[in-house]
C-alpha atoms as a PDB file:
ATOM      1  CA  MET A   1     -73.586 -17.073  -3.334  1.00  0.00           C
ATOM      2  CA  ASN A   2     -76.541 -17.433  -0.923  1.00  0.00           C
ATOM      3  CA  ASP A   3     -79.373 -16.829  -3.334  1.00  0.00           C
ATOM      4  CA  PRO A   4     -78.765 -18.108  -6.953  1.00  0.00           C
ATOM      5  CA  THR A   5     -81.982 -16.295  -8.108  1.00  0.00           C
ATOM      6  CA  SER A   6     -80.914 -12.864  -6.710  1.00  0.00           C
ATOM      7  CA  THR A   7     -81.038  -9.885  -8.931  1.00  0.00           C
ATOM      8  CA  VAL A   8     -77.852  -9.088 -10.840  1.00  0.00           C
ATOM      9  CA  GLY A   9     -75.873  -6.355  -9.027  1.00  0.00           C
ATOM     10  CA  GLU A  10     -77.216  -7.056  -5.545  1.00  0.00           C
ATOM     11  CA  ASP A  11     -74.219  -9.033  -4.279  1.00  0.00           C
ATOM     12  CA  THR A  12     -72.216  -7.905  -1.219  1.00  0.00           C
ATOM     13  CA  GLU A  13     -68.741  -9.072  -0.250  1.00  0.00           C
ATOM     14  CA  GLU A  14     -70.500 -11.773   2.043  1.00  0.00           C
ATOM     15  CA  SER A  15     -72.883 -13.093  -0.565  1.00  0.00           C
ATOM     16  CA  ALA A  16     -70.830 -12.721  -3.784  1.00  0.00           C
ATOM     17  CA  PRO A  17     -69.501 -15.763  -5.588  1.00  0.00           C
ATOM     18  CA  THR A  18     -65.786 -16.421  -6.043  1.00  0.00           C
ATOM     19  CA  CYS A  19     -64.160 -16.971  -9.380  1.00  0.00           C
ATOM     20  CA  ALA A  20     -63.513 -20.679  -9.978  1.00  0.00           C
ATOM     21  CA  SER A  21     -60.390 -19.722 -11.876  1.00  0.00           C
ATOM     22  CA  CYS A  22     -58.567 -17.060  -9.916  1.00  0.00           C
ATOM     23  CA  GLY A  23     -60.399 -17.195  -6.557  1.00  0.00           C
ATOM     24  CA  GLU A  24     -61.315 -13.401  -6.571  1.00  0.00           C
ATOM     25  CA  THR A  25     -64.679 -12.470  -5.078  1.00  0.00           C
ATOM     26  CA  ILE A  26     -67.068 -11.263  -7.958  1.00  0.00           C
ATOM     27  CA  VAL A  27     -68.970  -8.211  -6.648  1.00  0.00           C
ATOM     28  CA  ASN A  28     -71.231  -6.459  -9.194  1.00  0.00           C
ATOM     29  CA  GLU A  29     -68.853  -7.220 -12.055  1.00  0.00           C
ATOM     30  CA  PRO A  30     -70.470  -6.491 -15.531  1.00  0.00           C
ATOM     31  CA  THR A  31     -68.094  -9.119 -17.039  1.00  0.00           C
ATOM     32  CA  HIS A  32     -69.303 -11.904 -14.630  1.00  0.00           C
ATOM     33  CA  ARG A  33     -69.702 -15.181 -16.387  1.00  0.00           C
ATOM     34  CA  VAL A  34     -71.330 -18.474 -15.198  1.00  0.00           C
ATOM     35  CA  LEU A  35     -70.777 -21.943 -16.587  1.00  0.00           C
ATOM     36  CA  THR A  36     -73.686 -24.267 -15.733  1.00  0.00           C
ATOM     37  CA  SER A  37     -73.657 -28.081 -16.120  1.00  0.00           C
ATOM     38  CA  VAL A  38     -75.751 -31.063 -15.337  1.00  0.00           C
ATOM     39  CA  GLU A  39     -74.223 -34.414 -14.352  1.00  0.00           C
ATOM     40  CA  ASN A  40     -76.166 -37.336 -12.963  1.00  0.00           C
ATOM     41  CA  GLY A  41     -79.168 -35.164 -12.361  1.00  0.00           C
ATOM     42  CA  GLN A  42     -77.184 -32.638 -10.378  1.00  0.00           C
ATOM     43  CA  VAL A  43     -76.844 -29.013 -11.490  1.00  0.00           C
ATOM     44  CA  SER A  44     -73.613 -27.100 -10.805  1.00  0.00           C
ATOM     45  CA  ALA A  45     -72.639 -23.561 -11.555  1.00  0.00           C
ATOM     46  CA  GLU A  46     -69.101 -22.203 -11.814  1.00  0.00           C
ATOM     47  CA  HIS A  47     -68.623 -18.446 -11.582  1.00  0.00           C
ATOM     48  CA  PHE A  48     -65.928 -16.475 -13.306  1.00  0.00           C
ATOM     49  CA  CYS A  49     -64.712 -12.860 -13.240  1.00  0.00           C
ATOM     50  CA  ASP A  50     -64.690 -12.511 -16.954  1.00  0.00           C
ATOM     51  CA  GLU A  51     -64.364 -14.388 -20.186  1.00  0.00           C
ATOM     52  CA  ASP A  52     -60.577 -14.831 -19.783  1.00  0.00           C
ATOM     53  CA  CYS A  53     -60.954 -16.602 -16.511  1.00  0.00           C
ATOM     54  CA  ARG A  54     -63.760 -18.824 -17.948  1.00  0.00           C
ATOM     55  CA  ALA A  55     -61.545 -19.795 -20.862  1.00  0.00           C
ATOM     56  CA  ALA A  56     -58.590 -20.516 -18.660  1.00  0.00           C
ATOM     57  CA  PHE A  57     -60.757 -22.835 -16.478  1.00  0.00           C
ATOM     58  CA  VAL A  58     -62.375 -24.633 -19.376  1.00  0.00           C
ATOM     59  CA  GLY A  59     -59.272 -24.694 -21.693  1.00  0.00           C
END
């Protein structure tokens, strides 16, 4: 994802994030989930297609 502050639903195939669990490109998915964490002062964000992919990644 090029601009993490972009408006929801503006992603294109080129700018959309990929699911950290299944690797699919997430383009304008209403079920899109993001898991954000901070470690050693660094922020990271993992994107997921839906709740099932998020749960598989975390679980």
